[in-house]
Amino acid sequence: MPTCYAVSLTVVLLGRSVAGQCELTVRADAPSTDVVKGMATGLLNGLNETLPKRSAVLPYGFSMWRGPIASWLWPNRSNCTDLGFGVPGCCDLSSCKPPFTEVARLRDLGLRQQYILDGIHFGQTGCEWISFNRQAHSCPLPGGPADADFSKWRGSIRAAIAEAKRQRLDDVYYDVWNEPNGLSKRTCLADHGDKTWCSYDANLTQTAFFNLYDVAVRLIRSEQPTAKVVAPSIADGGPGIDGFSDVLPWLQAFLLHGNASGTLPDVLCWHVSAIGSNTTLLEEQHATLKAWAQSQGIPLPPIGHNEIVGPGETFLPASNLAFISVGEKLDLEHTCRACWPDPVTKASPCWDNSLDALLVNDCNGTLNSSCAPLTPRSNSYVYKWYAEMNGSRILPTELTAGCSGNTVVMSSIGEGRQSDQNESIVVLIGRWSDSAVRPEPLPKTSLVTVNLHGLQPNSCWQMVIEWVANSERSAGVIVTESSDFIQASSAGEIVKTIPLFALNDARRVT
């Protein structure tokens, strides 16, 4: 019998039936020099100092954790105010106690650590000094009347830097502010004026944000030059925000300012909450910004996205794969998965240790160690399989017209995990329909044909099918079907046609 290898075909389907047949060709004999970097997945909160257990986190290969500075400066609750989302804010920085228990855990998990430096987590919140209706306020927002010389703002940043140094976080990331363009924050001002403590840091004018940003970035680079600055983390959705058409002018103004003042960030960032079935949308955004920056003579920093995957896509495997795939293609510095409320319980997965809804929270949103949320959802398998591709060489893939508009593919080749394997090929396929109609109880099928070319002639490959179905929030249950060895043709080809069901499902063939 010829030497046997292992071929792994992973199929992920977003759950609506797709008419017709999609055919793709993977060139196993033409690997790229590029490898899967594994940087297109990170967490926005999603865990704490004890849960989930280390063994439940590691298989997903997360590359970064992003969270509020309150995770560091966890206060004495008797001296502080609950600012919402279960996050206490410091009324007086001197009253805060920094146990830093999460830092050691995140380091042990091998995660890069990014912390948000903004008013809501330093007590400098509540209202803008020039409100939506141009009324003056006396709140302590950096640069406002109560902190006109930014002394409180500098003190807050120095406290964070001192604690980071004490914890030996030399390579920490600081995200200066968060979503300074959030128009919903203007509503808070218009509704409450200066009479009520708002739960959100008020919308900033661009000039106001640029001023507090400059103070922060210069102080960080002076006192902790090994740290990286991330900014401006602009929102691409929400009340009054029309996606990239609003984000682009903001980014352009920010880059013009940073280039002129010498305060460009180490990582440029904006949020991308939804791409739907348009897998080229983010590529187009990057191309537009890069062309403009080049025309202006501005050196564009590496780009990351601090919040990806929108509320309508959180639980859908193929959409998650679309974000991961484009992240690899664009060679992003990092991405962090957003945490959107569960459609059934309405509970936020930001603080329930569910890895931002990759695991089922059996506690219905509460923090309770007795019901640790360790049950994987179907969308979690996309991240697990992506982690297994890390370090393998990317393979070119060609798709037929039948795949157009509703298929995304990642392919790679790497060393096999067992001693008797020479190579392992992995193909991740995400497929969906534009139809808004939910699938019928009885599945309809559409077909994806995978053509593997460039294999060793007459070599044999064992295939094992793993299948998991999901109805948005249920746990995924793996079903395994094994096959005999399949022999490649004398031309080194294997053709495999796989039926995809009209449910949210994930399919892996090895």
Protein backbone atom coordinates (compact mmCIF):
# COMPACT_ATOMS: atom_id res chain seq x y z
CA MET A 1 0.00 0.00 0.00
CA PRO A 2 1.38 3.46 -0.79
CA THR A 3 2.45 5.82 1.97
CA CYS A 4 -0.63 7.26 3.69
CA TYR A 5 -1.15 10.85 4.71
CA ALA A 6 -3.95 12.69 6.46
CA VAL A 7 -6.15 15.14 4.63
CA SER A 8 -8.36 17.41 6.67
CA LEU A 9 -11.28 19.21 5.06
CA THR A 10 -13.22 21.45 7.40
CA VAL A 11 -16.59 22.70 6.21
CA VAL A 12 -18.52 25.40 8.05
CA LEU A 13 -22.02 26.36 6.92
CA LEU A 14 -24.04 29.36 7.98
CA GLY A 15 -27.51 28.02 8.27
CA ARG A 16 -29.63 28.85 5.25
CA SER A 17 -29.93 26.73 2.14
CA VAL A 18 -27.93 27.81 -0.90
CA ALA A 19 -29.15 26.84 -4.34
CA GLY A 20 -26.79 25.21 -6.81
CA GLN A 21 -23.36 23.71 -6.47
CA CYS A 22 -20.10 25.36 -5.48
CA GLU A 23 -16.82 23.88 -6.65
CA LEU A 24 -13.39 24.82 -5.41
CA THR A 25 -9.88 23.74 -6.30
CA VAL A 26 -7.05 23.64 -3.77
CA ARG A 27 -3.51 23.58 -5.15
CA ALA A 28 -1.55 21.43 -2.72
CA ASP A 29 1.58 21.66 -4.90
CA ALA A 30 1.80 25.46 -4.83
CA PRO A 31 1.98 26.55 -1.18
CA SER A 32 2.60 30.20 -0.47
CA THR A 33 5.60 31.35 1.49
CA ASP A 34 3.06 33.04 3.77
CA VAL A 35 1.88 31.15 6.81
CA VAL A 36 -1.26 31.35 8.91
CA LYS A 37 -0.32 33.82 11.66
CA GLY A 38 -3.24 33.24 14.01
CA MET A 39 -3.55 36.95 14.85
CA ALA A 40 -7.14 37.32 13.62
CA THR A 41 -8.69 36.28 16.90
CA GLY A 42 -8.74 37.99 20.26
CA LEU A 43 -11.15 38.49 23.13
CA LEU A 44 -12.99 41.55 24.37
CA ASN A 45 -13.21 40.68 28.08
CA GLY A 46 -14.73 37.17 27.91
CA LEU A 47 -12.91 35.61 30.90
CA ASN A 48 -11.75 36.41 34.40
CA GLU A 49 -8.94 35.34 36.69
CA THR A 50 -10.33 31.82 37.19
CA LEU A 51 -12.93 30.98 34.51
CA PRO A 52 -13.02 29.36 32.08
CA LYS A 53 -10.30 26.98 33.12
CA ARG A 54 -6.99 27.16 31.27
CA SER A 55 -7.67 23.86 29.51
CA ALA A 56 -10.91 25.27 28.09
CA VAL A 57 -9.25 28.42 26.73
CA LEU A 58 -6.03 27.14 25.13
CA PRO A 59 -7.57 25.14 22.21
CA TYR A 60 -8.89 28.35 20.64
CA GLY A 61 -5.46 29.91 20.20
CA PHE A 62 -6.46 33.43 21.19
CA SER A 63 -3.77 35.99 20.44
CA MET A 64 -4.94 39.01 22.49
CA TRP A 65 -7.16 40.04 25.37
CA ARG A 66 -8.68 43.53 25.47
CA GLY A 67 -10.51 44.96 28.43
CA PRO A 68 -11.06 48.04 30.57
CA ILE A 69 -8.43 49.54 32.77
CA ALA A 70 -10.83 48.82 35.62
CA SER A 71 -9.59 45.25 35.43
CA TRP A 72 -6.34 46.64 36.78
CA LEU A 73 -7.53 49.37 39.07
CA TRP A 74 -10.27 47.32 40.68
CA PRO A 75 -11.64 49.62 43.34
CA ASN A 76 -12.86 49.38 46.85
CA ARG A 77 -16.57 49.29 46.00
CA SER A 78 -17.52 51.41 49.01
CA ASN A 79 -15.66 54.34 47.47
CA CYS A 80 -16.73 53.88 43.87
CA THR A 81 -19.70 53.87 41.53
CA ASP A 82 -21.08 51.04 39.40
CA LEU A 83 -20.94 52.41 35.86
CA GLY A 84 -22.92 49.62 34.25
CA PHE A 85 -22.08 46.23 32.72
CA GLY A 86 -21.00 45.09 36.17
CA VAL A 87 -17.89 47.30 35.96
CA PRO A 88 -17.17 49.51 38.94
CA GLY A 89 -15.54 52.83 38.16
CA CYS A 90 -13.15 54.64 40.46
CA CYS A 91 -14.57 57.75 42.03
CA ASP A 92 -11.15 58.49 43.46
CA LEU A 93 -8.13 56.78 41.95
CA SER A 94 -6.37 56.75 45.31
CA SER A 95 -9.12 54.51 46.71
CA CYS A 96 -8.58 51.82 44.08
CA LYS A 97 -6.85 48.58 44.92
CA PRO A 98 -4.93 46.97 42.03
CA PRO A 99 -4.75 43.22 42.68
CA PHE A 100 -3.83 42.53 39.03
CA THR A 101 -4.95 38.94 39.36
CA GLU A 102 -5.97 38.78 35.71
CA VAL A 103 -2.58 39.92 34.42
CA ALA A 104 -0.80 36.79 35.60
CA ARG A 105 -3.54 34.58 34.18
CA LEU A 106 -3.48 36.31 30.79
CA ARG A 107 0.30 36.01 30.70
CA ASP A 108 0.02 32.30 31.50
CA LEU A 109 -2.44 31.90 28.60
CA GLY A 110 0.07 33.54 26.26
CA LEU A 111 -2.23 36.45 25.42
CA ARG A 112 -1.06 39.93 24.50
CA GLN A 113 -2.80 42.39 26.80
CA GLN A 114 -4.57 45.57 25.72
CA TYR A 115 -6.20 47.95 28.19
CA ILE A 116 -8.63 50.78 27.49
CA LEU A 117 -7.60 54.13 28.93
CA ASP A 118 -10.77 56.21 28.98
CA GLY A 119 -12.82 58.44 31.20
CA ILE A 120 -15.39 55.88 32.22
CA HIS A 121 -12.72 53.84 34.00
CA PHE A 122 -10.97 56.76 35.66
CA GLY A 123 -13.94 58.66 37.04
CA GLN A 124 -13.58 61.33 34.34
CA THR A 125 -16.95 60.77 32.82
CA GLY A 126 -20.51 61.97 32.79
CA CYS A 127 -20.64 64.82 30.30
CA GLU A 128 -18.76 66.87 27.74
CA TRP A 129 -17.54 70.33 28.72
CA ILE A 130 -19.18 71.59 25.52
CA SER A 131 -22.38 69.60 25.18
CA PHE A 132 -24.43 68.71 22.15
CA ASN A 133 -26.36 71.96 22.53
CA ARG A 134 -23.21 73.95 23.34
CA GLN A 135 -23.96 74.22 27.06
CA ALA A 136 -20.99 74.36 29.41
CA HIS A 137 -20.50 71.64 32.03
CA SER A 138 -18.25 71.30 35.05
CA CYS A 139 -17.40 67.61 34.91
CA PRO A 140 -13.78 66.40 35.21
CA LEU A 141 -13.35 65.17 31.63
CA PRO A 142 -9.72 65.67 30.48
CA GLY A 143 -9.30 69.23 29.23
CA GLY A 144 -12.61 70.39 30.66
CA PRO A 145 -13.05 73.04 33.36
CA ALA A 146 -12.39 70.60 36.22
CA ASP A 147 -9.24 69.24 34.55
CA ALA A 148 -8.19 72.06 32.28
CA ASP A 149 -4.47 71.31 32.52
CA PHE A 150 -4.99 67.51 32.15
CA SER A 151 -3.35 66.93 35.54
CA LYS A 152 -5.97 64.36 36.58
CA TRP A 153 -5.71 62.67 33.20
CA ARG A 154 -1.92 62.49 33.50
CA GLY A 155 -2.23 61.17 37.03
CA SER A 156 -4.55 58.40 35.87
CA ILE A 157 -2.23 57.37 33.06
CA ARG A 158 0.83 57.45 35.33
CA ALA A 159 -0.96 55.19 37.79
CA ALA A 160 -1.63 52.67 35.03
CA ILE A 161 1.96 52.84 33.77
CA ALA A 162 3.36 52.36 37.28
CA GLU A 163 1.20 49.29 37.81
CA ALA A 164 2.09 47.88 34.38
CA LYS A 165 5.78 48.25 35.21
CA ARG A 166 5.29 46.64 38.59
CA GLN A 167 3.66 43.70 36.82
CA ARG A 168 6.47 43.60 34.20
CA LEU A 169 4.03 44.28 31.37
CA ASP A 170 6.62 45.90 29.16
CA ASP A 171 4.76 45.07 25.94
CA VAL A 172 1.32 46.20 27.08
CA TYR A 173 -1.07 47.85 24.61
CA TYR A 174 -2.93 51.03 25.63
CA ASP A 175 -6.13 51.87 23.74
CA VAL A 176 -6.56 55.61 24.30
CA TRP A 177 -10.24 56.24 24.90
CA ASN A 178 -12.82 54.16 23.02
CA GLU A 179 -15.27 55.11 20.28
CA PRO A 180 -14.80 58.88 20.62
CA ASN A 181 -17.20 59.33 17.70
CA GLY A 182 -20.12 57.58 19.45
CA LEU A 183 -23.13 59.74 18.67
CA SER A 184 -25.28 57.85 21.17
CA LYS A 185 -23.19 59.58 23.81
CA ARG A 186 -24.48 62.91 22.55
CA THR A 187 -27.99 61.76 23.37
CA CYS A 188 -26.89 61.21 26.94
CA LEU A 189 -25.85 64.84 27.09
CA ALA A 190 -28.94 66.22 25.42
CA ASP A 191 -31.20 64.23 27.75
CA HIS A 192 -29.40 64.85 31.02
CA GLY A 193 -27.31 67.97 30.68
CA ASP A 194 -25.08 68.53 33.68
CA LYS A 195 -27.65 67.46 36.28
CA THR A 196 -27.38 63.67 36.08
CA TRP A 197 -24.40 61.34 36.06
CA CYS A 198 -24.43 59.65 32.66
CA SER A 199 -23.18 56.09 32.44
CA TYR A 200 -21.18 56.78 29.29
CA ASP A 201 -18.24 59.03 28.59
CA ALA A 202 -19.72 61.83 26.54
CA ASN A 203 -19.13 62.29 22.86
CA LEU A 204 -16.00 64.26 22.15
CA THR A 205 -15.42 66.79 19.46
CA GLN A 206 -12.49 65.76 17.29
CA THR A 207 -10.38 68.61 18.67
CA ALA A 208 -11.13 67.61 22.26
CA PHE A 209 -10.22 64.00 21.57
CA PHE A 210 -7.03 64.93 19.72
CA ASN A 211 -5.94 67.06 22.70
CA LEU A 212 -6.43 64.35 25.33
CA TYR A 213 -4.98 61.75 22.95
CA ASP A 214 -1.80 63.79 22.44
CA VAL A 215 -1.35 64.13 26.19
CA ALA A 216 -1.73 60.38 26.65
CA VAL A 217 0.49 59.19 23.81
CA ARG A 218 3.35 61.56 24.70
CA LEU A 219 3.23 60.55 28.35
CA ILE A 220 3.15 56.84 27.54
CA ARG A 221 6.08 57.10 25.14
CA SER A 222 8.04 59.12 27.65
CA GLU A 223 7.50 56.88 30.67
CA GLN A 224 6.92 53.44 29.09
CA PRO A 225 8.46 53.47 25.59
CA THR A 226 8.08 49.69 25.20
CA ALA A 227 4.28 49.96 25.33
CA LYS A 228 2.15 50.24 22.19
CA VAL A 229 -0.55 52.84 21.64
CA VAL A 230 -3.78 51.84 19.87
CA ALA A 231 -6.17 54.48 18.53
CA PRO A 232 -8.70 55.83 17.74
CA SER A 233 -10.99 52.73 18.02
CA ILE A 234 -13.79 54.44 16.12
CA ALA A 235 -17.28 52.93 16.12
CA ASP A 236 -18.71 52.00 12.72
CA GLY A 237 -22.29 51.64 13.92
CA GLY A 238 -24.80 52.95 16.41
CA PRO A 239 -27.24 55.87 16.36
CA GLY A 240 -26.32 58.34 13.65
CA ILE A 241 -23.24 56.43 12.45
CA ASP A 242 -23.39 55.22 8.86
CA GLY A 243 -20.59 52.68 8.66
CA PHE A 244 -17.36 53.45 6.85
CA SER A 245 -18.76 56.57 5.18
CA ASP A 246 -18.62 58.16 8.66
CA VAL A 247 -15.52 56.30 9.85
CA LEU A 248 -13.29 57.26 6.91
CA PRO A 249 -13.40 61.08 7.41
CA TRP A 250 -12.71 60.57 11.12
CA LEU A 251 -9.70 58.35 10.37
CA GLN A 252 -8.41 60.82 7.80
CA ALA A 253 -8.64 63.74 10.25
CA PHE A 254 -6.96 61.66 12.95
CA LEU A 255 -4.09 60.62 10.67
CA LEU A 256 -3.56 64.18 9.43
CA HIS A 257 -3.40 65.39 13.03
CA GLY A 258 -1.14 62.57 14.23
CA ASN A 259 1.25 62.98 11.32
CA ALA A 260 1.53 66.73 11.89
CA SER A 261 1.93 66.48 15.67
CA GLY A 262 4.17 63.40 15.74
CA THR A 263 1.60 61.33 17.62
CA LEU A 264 0.60 58.64 15.14
CA PRO A 265 -0.38 55.47 17.05
CA ASP A 266 1.59 52.24 16.94
CA VAL A 267 -1.59 50.47 15.79
CA LEU A 268 -4.39 52.19 13.88
CA CYS A 269 -7.81 50.86 14.81
CA TRP A 270 -11.46 51.11 13.95
CA HIS A 271 -14.34 48.79 14.80
CA VAL A 272 -15.95 46.54 12.18
CA SER A 273 -19.22 45.23 13.51
CA ALA A 274 -20.65 43.58 10.40
CA ILE A 275 -19.67 42.47 6.93
CA GLY A 276 -22.53 40.06 6.25
CA SER A 277 -21.92 38.10 3.08
CA ASN A 278 -19.66 40.81 1.63
CA THR A 279 -16.29 39.26 2.39
CA THR A 280 -14.46 41.96 0.41
CA LEU A 281 -15.93 44.89 2.36
CA LEU A 282 -13.07 45.18 4.84
CA GLU A 283 -10.51 44.71 2.07
CA GLU A 284 -12.08 47.64 0.24
CA GLN A 285 -11.92 49.79 3.38
CA HIS A 286 -8.23 49.06 3.83
CA ALA A 287 -7.46 49.72 0.17
CA THR A 288 -9.31 53.06 0.26
CA LEU A 289 -7.51 54.24 3.40
CA LYS A 290 -4.09 53.09 2.20
CA ALA A 291 -4.48 54.85 -1.15
CA TRP A 292 -5.51 58.08 0.59
CA ALA A 293 -2.66 57.90 3.13
CA GLN A 294 -0.14 57.38 0.33
CA SER A 295 -1.52 60.40 -1.54
CA GLN A 296 -1.01 62.47 1.61
CA GLY A 297 2.48 61.16 2.32
CA ILE A 298 1.36 59.72 5.65
CA PRO A 299 3.08 56.51 6.84
CA LEU A 300 0.19 54.25 7.74
CA PRO A 301 0.71 52.33 11.01
CA PRO A 302 -0.12 48.62 11.22
CA ILE A 303 -3.90 48.13 11.41
CA GLY A 304 -5.93 46.20 13.95
CA HIS A 305 -9.64 45.96 14.72
CA ASN A 306 -10.61 46.00 18.38
CA GLU A 307 -14.19 44.87 17.84
CA ILE A 308 -15.20 42.52 15.05
CA VAL A 309 -18.26 40.30 14.37
CA GLY A 310 -21.59 42.08 14.65
CA PRO A 311 -24.67 41.16 16.72
CA GLY A 312 -26.31 39.40 13.79
CA GLU A 313 -23.22 37.30 13.11
CA THR A 314 -21.97 36.39 16.58
CA PHE A 315 -23.44 32.89 16.63
CA LEU A 316 -23.06 32.06 12.91
CA PRO A 317 -20.01 29.94 12.05
CA ALA A 318 -19.50 31.05 8.43
CA SER A 319 -19.62 34.75 9.33
CA ASN A 320 -16.99 34.20 12.00
CA LEU A 321 -14.85 32.43 9.42
CA ALA A 322 -15.30 35.37 7.04
CA PHE A 323 -13.81 37.76 9.62
CA ILE A 324 -10.93 35.38 10.36
CA SER A 325 -10.19 34.83 6.69
CA VAL A 326 -10.07 38.50 5.80
CA GLY A 327 -7.96 39.17 8.89
CA GLU A 328 -5.32 36.75 7.62
CA LYS A 329 -5.52 38.12 4.09
CA LEU A 330 -4.99 41.69 5.29
CA ASP A 331 -2.22 40.66 7.70
CA LEU A 332 -3.89 42.50 10.55
CA GLU A 333 -1.89 43.33 13.67
CA HIS A 334 -4.73 41.97 15.77
CA THR A 335 -8.49 41.61 16.02
CA CYS A 336 -10.70 41.22 19.08
CA ARG A 337 -14.06 39.51 18.97
CA ALA A 338 -16.91 41.72 20.22
CA CYS A 339 -19.36 40.49 22.86
CA TRP A 340 -23.01 40.90 21.88
CA PRO A 341 -26.06 39.90 23.99
CA ASP A 342 -27.44 36.39 23.77
CA PRO A 343 -30.59 36.51 21.57
CA VAL A 344 -32.52 34.36 24.05
CA THR A 345 -31.42 35.45 27.52
CA LYS A 346 -30.43 38.99 26.43
CA ALA A 347 -27.49 38.66 28.83
CA SER A 348 -24.20 40.23 27.83
CA PRO A 349 -21.42 37.68 27.26
CA CYS A 350 -18.80 40.32 28.02
CA TRP A 351 -18.65 39.43 31.69
CA ASP A 352 -19.96 35.86 31.96
CA ASN A 353 -16.68 34.09 31.12
CA SER A 354 -18.14 32.58 27.94
CA LEU A 355 -15.21 33.69 25.74
CA ASP A 356 -17.51 36.31 24.20
CA ALA A 357 -20.28 33.78 23.46
CA LEU A 358 -18.11 31.00 22.02
CA LEU A 359 -19.21 28.89 24.98
CA VAL A 360 -22.74 28.45 26.28
CA ASN A 361 -23.22 30.32 29.53
CA ASP A 362 -25.28 27.90 31.59
CA CYS A 363 -25.56 30.54 34.30
CA ASN A 364 -27.85 32.78 32.21
CA GLY A 365 -25.45 35.68 32.39
CA THR A 366 -24.50 35.48 36.06
CA LEU A 367 -21.02 34.92 37.41
CA ASN A 368 -21.18 31.65 39.28
CA SER A 369 -18.28 29.25 39.53
CA SER A 370 -20.64 26.35 40.19
CA CYS A 371 -21.97 26.49 36.62
CA ALA A 372 -18.83 27.26 34.65
CA PRO A 373 -19.79 27.87 30.99
CA LEU A 374 -17.64 25.23 29.33
CA THR A 375 -20.01 23.89 26.65
CA PRO A 376 -18.82 24.91 23.15
CA ARG A 377 -21.19 26.51 20.67
CA SER A 378 -20.86 25.66 16.99
CA ASN A 379 -19.14 28.97 16.26
CA SER A 380 -16.34 28.00 18.65
CA TYR A 381 -15.17 25.21 16.34
CA VAL A 382 -14.22 27.80 13.70
CA TYR A 383 -11.72 29.29 16.15
CA LYS A 384 -10.47 25.87 17.22
CA TRP A 385 -9.83 24.77 13.64
CA TYR A 386 -8.24 28.13 12.84
CA ALA A 387 -5.89 27.64 15.80
CA GLU A 388 -4.89 24.23 14.44
CA MET A 389 -3.92 25.88 11.12
CA ASN A 390 -1.56 28.30 12.87
CA GLY A 391 1.95 28.17 11.38
CA SER A 392 0.95 26.16 8.31
CA ARG A 393 1.58 27.45 4.78
CA ILE A 394 -1.33 29.01 2.93
CA LEU A 395 -2.56 27.21 -0.21
CA PRO A 396 -4.06 28.96 -3.25
CA THR A 397 -7.73 28.20 -3.84
CA GLU A 398 -9.88 28.78 -6.92
CA LEU A 399 -13.70 29.00 -6.72
CA THR A 400 -16.23 28.53 -9.49
CA ALA A 401 -19.03 30.97 -10.27
CA GLY A 402 -21.42 28.83 -8.23
CA CYS A 403 -19.57 29.94 -5.07
CA SER A 404 -19.80 33.63 -5.85
CA GLY A 405 -21.09 35.92 -3.12
CA ASN A 406 -21.74 33.31 -0.46
CA THR A 407 -18.55 31.31 0.07
CA VAL A 408 -15.32 32.00 1.93
CA VAL A 409 -12.37 29.59 1.96
CA MET A 410 -9.10 29.24 3.86
CA SER A 411 -6.65 26.49 2.91
CA SER A 412 -3.27 25.52 4.30
CA ILE A 413 -0.72 22.72 4.36
CA GLY A 414 1.54 21.82 7.26
CA GLU A 415 3.30 19.02 9.06
CA GLY A 416 1.04 16.23 10.28
CA ARG A 417 0.45 15.91 14.00
CA GLN A 418 1.23 12.17 14.07
CA SER A 419 4.59 10.54 13.46
CA ASP A 420 3.34 8.49 10.49
CA GLN A 421 1.99 11.56 8.70
CA ASN A 422 4.10 13.70 6.42
CA GLU A 423 1.60 16.42 5.62
CA SER A 424 -1.82 17.62 6.67
CA ILE A 425 -4.07 19.69 4.42
CA VAL A 426 -6.80 21.81 5.99
CA VAL A 427 -9.57 23.51 4.05
CA LEU A 428 -12.05 25.70 5.92
CA ILE A 429 -15.18 26.49 3.92
CA GLY A 430 -17.84 28.92 5.06
CA ARG A 431 -21.05 29.18 3.10
CA TRP A 432 -24.29 31.09 3.60
CA SER A 433 -27.33 32.44 1.81
CA ASP A 434 -28.49 36.04 1.52
CA SER A 435 -32.03 34.87 2.27
CA ALA A 436 -33.47 36.19 5.51
CA VAL A 437 -35.77 33.18 5.83
CA ARG A 438 -34.81 30.77 8.59
CA PRO A 439 -34.27 27.14 7.57
CA GLU A 440 -37.12 24.65 7.58
CA PRO A 441 -37.00 21.85 10.20
CA LEU A 442 -36.13 19.30 7.51
CA PRO A 443 -32.79 20.14 5.94
CA LYS A 444 -32.36 20.95 2.28
CA THR A 445 -28.95 20.33 0.78
CA SER A 446 -26.50 22.18 -1.39
CA LEU A 447 -23.23 20.72 -2.55
CA VAL A 448 -19.63 21.81 -2.29
CA THR A 449 -17.12 19.88 -4.39
CA VAL A 450 -13.50 20.05 -3.23
CA ASN A 451 -10.83 19.27 -5.80
CA LEU A 452 -7.40 18.60 -4.29
CA HIS A 453 -4.67 18.96 -6.90
CA GLY A 454 -0.93 18.48 -6.64
CA LEU A 455 -0.91 15.54 -4.24
CA GLN A 456 1.69 12.81 -4.47
CA PRO A 457 0.51 10.48 -7.29
CA ASN A 458 -1.32 7.39 -6.01
CA SER A 459 -0.87 8.48 -2.38
CA CYS A 460 -3.65 7.53 0.01
CA TRP A 461 -5.48 9.76 2.42
CA GLN A 462 -7.77 8.84 5.29
CA MET A 463 -10.89 10.95 5.75
CA VAL A 464 -12.85 11.31 8.97
CA ILE A 465 -16.00 13.46 9.02
CA GLU A 466 -16.86 15.41 12.14
CA TRP A 467 -20.23 17.14 12.09
CA VAL A 468 -21.80 19.63 14.48
CA ALA A 469 -25.21 21.31 14.17
CA ASN A 470 -26.31 24.48 15.90
CA SER A 471 -29.51 26.49 16.36
CA GLU A 472 -27.84 29.81 17.23
CA ARG A 473 -27.23 29.35 20.95
CA SER A 474 -27.35 25.59 21.56
CA ALA A 475 -24.27 23.56 22.34
CA GLY A 476 -22.57 21.86 19.43
CA VAL A 477 -22.50 18.05 19.55
CA ILE A 478 -19.82 16.32 17.49
CA VAL A 479 -20.80 13.30 15.41
CA THR A 480 -17.94 11.36 13.83
CA GLU A 481 -18.02 9.20 10.72
CA SER A 482 -14.87 7.37 9.58
CA SER A 483 -13.98 6.24 6.07
CA ASP A 484 -11.46 3.94 4.46
CA PHE A 485 -8.34 5.34 2.82
CA ILE A 486 -8.93 7.23 -0.41
CA GLN A 487 -6.23 6.93 -3.04
CA ALA A 488 -5.23 9.89 -5.16
CA SER A 489 -5.19 9.42 -8.90
CA SER A 490 -2.03 8.97 -10.93
CA ALA A 491 -2.26 12.73 -11.56
CA GLY A 492 -2.28 13.40 -7.82
CA GLU A 493 -5.94 14.42 -7.51
CA ILE A 494 -8.80 13.68 -5.12
CA VAL A 495 -12.35 14.94 -5.68
CA LYS A 496 -14.78 15.00 -2.74
CA THR A 497 -18.37 16.24 -2.96
CA ILE A 498 -19.87 17.23 0.40
CA PRO A 499 -23.57 17.93 1.05
CA LEU A 500 -24.21 20.96 3.24
CA PHE A 501 -27.40 21.21 5.24
CA ALA A 502 -29.73 24.16 5.66
CA LEU A 503 -29.11 24.35 9.38
CA ASN A 504 -26.36 26.27 11.10
CA ASP A 505 -23.73 23.57 10.99
CA ALA A 506 -20.04 22.92 10.93
CA ARG A 507 -18.44 20.01 9.15
CA ARG A 508 -14.91 18.72 9.34
CA VAL A 509 -13.55 15.97 7.11
CA THR A 510 -10.14 14.52 7.91
